Amino acid sequence: QFLYLIGCRPLLEYGCMGVPVLTYDAACAPPAGEPPAAFEVAVEGLTEQPLVLEYTVVLAAPCGEVFAYIADFAAISEWMPMITKSWSDDTHAEEPGGVGAVRMISAWGGKVTDEVVRHRAEGLLCYSASDAALGGMLSAHLGVQACTPCGDGQTRLVWRCYGRPPDGAFMRWFGRNVISKVMARSLHNLARRWPSSTP
């Protein structure tokens, strides 16, 4: 069972393996051990929008292995829900899968694209989905996935979502709920691949 809470408190969710995934909304402080400055540097110049959601999970695999997997656009359907196929259009990319690459995603609801806007081989992926791709759930979107070593050959993966929520109360609730569930389920799938006993 998943527990979802739309509010201003941190929520500990337990999934298939009983692995905790801690999420914060924009009104909460960042998780312990994750200095805000690190993310401020990571997204510097990329967005002026507020932080909407943040999830973090510890995975029992080296940082390089985890990042190579989540940055492999052809493998997204293996861990992200509702995606049937994905690939990278590197026509305008600085390098395959790097800045300028466009992730082409076939999902249950149709086709979605997002563009890589910052990529660092040591474990940082920033991408932006168009307003049309998100169907009014969020605009001026920026997603940030950051991997850092956390001892014993493990990796802490932090996933942040920035953007401008819609004006209407229903769409604001609906968009937050959908994006939250996709992020949580994705990290639970990764936690099943690399289960860790570290909270």
Protein backbone atom coordinates (compact mmCIF):
# COMPACT_ATOMS: atom_id res chain seq x y z
CA GLN A 1 0.00 0.00 0.00
CA PHE A 2 1.12 3.54 -0.72
CA LEU A 3 0.22 6.45 1.51
CA TYR A 4 -0.09 9.82 -0.16
CA LEU A 5 -0.59 13.11 1.60
CA ILE A 6 -1.19 16.43 -0.11
CA GLY A 7 0.02 18.92 2.44
CA CYS A 8 2.99 20.62 3.98
CA ARG A 9 4.52 17.80 6.01
CA PRO A 10 7.20 15.25 5.10
CA LEU A 11 5.75 11.84 4.34
CA LEU A 12 7.43 8.48 4.74
CA GLU A 13 6.09 6.07 2.15
CA TYR A 14 6.61 2.32 2.10
CA GLY A 15 6.46 0.32 -1.09
CA CYS A 16 6.76 -3.25 -2.29
CA MET A 17 10.00 -4.00 -0.44
CA GLY A 18 9.18 -1.94 2.62
CA VAL A 19 11.83 0.53 1.48
CA PRO A 20 11.22 4.04 2.77
CA VAL A 21 11.14 6.98 0.37
CA LEU A 22 11.02 10.37 2.01
CA THR A 23 9.30 13.20 0.20
CA TYR A 24 9.09 16.89 0.97
CA ASP A 25 6.94 19.55 -0.54
CA ALA A 26 7.94 23.13 -1.16
CA ALA A 27 7.06 24.23 2.38
CA CYS A 28 9.45 21.75 4.01
CA ALA A 29 13.13 21.92 4.83
CA PRO A 30 15.54 19.85 2.72
CA PRO A 31 16.42 16.36 4.00
CA ALA A 32 19.25 15.97 6.51
CA GLY A 33 22.60 15.56 4.82
CA GLU A 34 21.55 17.36 1.62
CA PRO A 35 22.85 20.93 1.84
CA PRO A 36 20.53 23.34 -0.02
CA ALA A 37 23.59 25.02 -1.54
CA ALA A 38 24.41 21.87 -3.51
CA PHE A 39 21.12 22.01 -5.35
CA GLU A 40 21.25 25.78 -5.71
CA VAL A 41 24.52 25.36 -7.59
CA ALA A 42 23.12 22.46 -9.63
CA VAL A 43 20.16 24.47 -10.95
CA GLU A 44 21.81 27.88 -11.09
CA GLY A 45 20.60 29.73 -14.16
CA LEU A 46 18.12 27.00 -15.12
CA THR A 47 14.95 28.03 -13.29
CA GLU A 48 13.36 30.76 -11.22
CA GLN A 49 10.36 28.58 -10.40
CA PRO A 50 9.61 27.22 -6.92
CA LEU A 51 10.43 23.73 -5.73
CA VAL A 52 7.26 21.64 -5.98
CA LEU A 53 8.35 18.16 -4.87
CA GLU A 54 11.46 16.42 -3.64
CA TYR A 55 12.08 12.72 -3.11
CA THR A 56 15.16 10.92 -1.88
CA VAL A 57 16.08 7.25 -1.63
CA VAL A 58 19.21 5.25 -0.79
CA LEU A 59 20.15 2.53 -3.26
CA ALA A 60 22.57 -0.35 -2.67
CA ALA A 61 24.75 0.25 -5.72
CA PRO A 62 27.69 2.51 -6.59
CA CYS A 63 26.94 6.04 -7.74
CA GLY A 64 28.29 5.45 -11.25
CA GLU A 65 26.12 2.39 -11.77
CA VAL A 66 22.95 4.12 -10.59
CA PHE A 67 23.53 7.25 -12.63
CA ALA A 68 24.38 5.31 -15.79
CA TYR A 69 21.08 3.47 -15.45
CA ILE A 70 18.79 6.45 -14.82
CA ALA A 71 20.57 8.46 -17.54
CA ASP A 72 20.05 5.65 -20.07
CA PHE A 73 17.01 6.98 -21.88
CA ALA A 74 16.27 3.64 -23.51
CA ALA A 75 15.86 2.07 -20.05
CA ILE A 76 13.33 4.55 -18.61
CA SER A 77 10.40 2.21 -19.20
CA GLU A 78 12.05 -0.35 -16.89
CA TRP A 79 11.63 1.82 -13.78
CA MET A 80 9.25 4.68 -14.54
CA PRO A 81 5.53 3.83 -14.55
CA MET A 82 3.17 4.26 -17.52
CA ILE A 83 6.02 4.38 -20.05
CA THR A 84 6.04 1.80 -22.82
CA LYS A 85 9.08 2.91 -24.83
CA SER A 86 11.74 5.62 -24.71
CA TRP A 87 14.74 6.70 -26.70
CA SER A 88 17.02 9.69 -27.20
CA ASP A 89 17.07 12.09 -30.13
CA ASP A 90 20.67 13.30 -30.10
CA THR A 91 20.44 15.42 -33.25
CA HIS A 92 21.27 18.64 -31.40
CA ALA A 93 23.03 17.14 -28.38
CA GLU A 94 26.55 18.05 -27.33
CA GLU A 95 27.09 14.30 -26.89
CA PRO A 96 24.76 11.28 -26.84
CA GLY A 97 22.36 11.75 -23.93
CA GLY A 98 24.01 15.04 -23.00
CA VAL A 99 22.86 18.65 -23.06
CA GLY A 100 20.51 19.21 -25.99
CA ALA A 101 19.37 15.57 -26.15
CA VAL A 102 15.62 15.12 -26.33
CA ARG A 103 14.06 12.20 -24.49
CA MET A 104 11.31 10.75 -26.65
CA ILE A 105 8.81 8.92 -24.47
CA SER A 106 5.79 6.84 -25.43
CA ALA A 107 3.43 6.61 -22.46
CA TRP A 108 -0.09 5.40 -21.83
CA GLY A 109 -1.43 8.92 -22.24
CA GLY A 110 0.46 9.65 -25.47
CA LYS A 111 3.91 10.90 -26.42
CA VAL A 112 5.99 13.09 -24.14
CA THR A 113 9.29 14.84 -24.79
CA ASP A 114 11.74 16.57 -22.52
CA GLU A 115 15.15 18.10 -23.15
CA VAL A 116 18.38 17.65 -21.19
CA VAL A 117 19.53 21.09 -20.06
CA ARG A 118 22.41 20.10 -17.77
CA HIS A 119 24.38 16.87 -17.50
CA ARG A 120 27.37 16.04 -15.35
CA ALA A 121 28.95 12.62 -15.59
CA GLU A 122 29.59 12.47 -11.84
CA GLY A 123 25.84 12.20 -11.24
CA LEU A 124 23.64 15.15 -12.24
CA LEU A 125 20.82 15.18 -14.79
CA CYS A 126 18.60 18.24 -15.31
CA TYR A 127 15.79 18.12 -17.85
CA SER A 128 12.81 20.20 -18.86
CA ALA A 129 9.43 19.01 -20.12
CA SER A 130 7.34 21.38 -22.21
CA ASP A 131 4.12 22.85 -20.87
CA ALA A 132 2.19 20.90 -23.52
CA ALA A 133 3.85 17.62 -22.48
CA LEU A 134 2.60 18.08 -18.92
CA GLY A 135 -0.95 18.84 -20.01
CA GLY A 136 -1.47 21.85 -17.76
CA MET A 137 -0.34 20.09 -14.58
CA LEU A 138 2.78 22.29 -14.32
CA SER A 139 4.49 24.92 -16.43
CA ALA A 140 8.12 26.07 -16.76
CA HIS A 141 9.12 22.62 -15.52
CA LEU A 142 12.58 21.55 -14.43
CA GLY A 143 13.45 18.08 -13.17
CA VAL A 144 16.72 17.44 -11.32
CA GLN A 145 18.14 14.00 -10.50
CA ALA A 146 21.33 13.97 -8.44
CA CYS A 147 23.34 10.95 -7.30
CA THR A 148 25.84 11.16 -4.45
CA PRO A 149 27.85 8.40 -2.70
CA CYS A 150 26.68 7.76 0.86
CA GLY A 151 29.03 5.08 2.18
CA ASP A 152 29.30 1.31 1.90
CA GLY A 153 29.17 1.53 -1.89
CA GLN A 154 25.65 2.96 -1.78
CA THR A 155 24.07 5.95 -3.51
CA ARG A 156 21.64 8.60 -2.38
CA LEU A 157 19.41 9.65 -5.27
CA VAL A 158 17.56 12.93 -4.85
CA TRP A 159 14.90 13.89 -7.38
CA ARG A 160 13.50 17.40 -7.44
CA CYS A 161 10.68 18.93 -9.46
CA TYR A 162 10.46 22.69 -9.99
CA GLY A 163 7.72 24.53 -11.83
CA ARG A 164 4.79 26.90 -11.73
CA PRO A 165 1.59 25.22 -10.51
CA PRO A 166 -1.64 25.99 -12.38
CA ASP A 167 -4.02 28.63 -11.06
CA GLY A 168 -7.08 26.42 -10.59
CA ALA A 169 -7.34 24.56 -7.29
CA PHE A 170 -8.38 21.27 -8.89
CA MET A 171 -5.60 21.20 -11.50
CA ARG A 172 -3.09 22.23 -8.85
CA TRP A 173 -4.18 19.27 -6.69
CA PHE A 174 -4.46 16.89 -9.64
CA GLY A 175 -1.08 17.78 -11.13
CA ARG A 176 0.72 17.53 -7.82
CA ASN A 177 -0.90 14.18 -7.08
CA VAL A 178 -0.04 12.66 -10.47
CA ILE A 179 3.56 13.90 -10.52
CA SER A 180 4.03 12.83 -6.89
CA LYS A 181 2.84 9.29 -7.59
CA VAL A 182 5.00 8.93 -10.70
CA MET A 183 8.09 10.07 -8.81
CA ALA A 184 7.36 7.84 -5.79
CA ARG A 185 6.61 4.75 -7.87
CA SER A 186 9.74 5.32 -9.96
CA LEU A 187 11.97 5.43 -6.90
CA HIS A 188 10.28 2.39 -5.41
CA ASN A 189 11.08 0.52 -8.62
CA LEU A 190 14.71 1.57 -8.33
CA ALA A 191 14.71 0.52 -4.68
CA ARG A 192 13.47 -2.91 -5.70
CA ARG A 193 16.38 -3.16 -8.14
CA TRP A 194 18.94 -2.10 -5.51
CA PRO A 195 17.34 -2.69 -2.07
CA SER A 196 19.10 -1.02 0.83
CA SER A 197 18.51 -1.25 4.56
CA THR A 198 19.65 2.35 5.00
CA PRO A 199 16.76 4.81 5.48
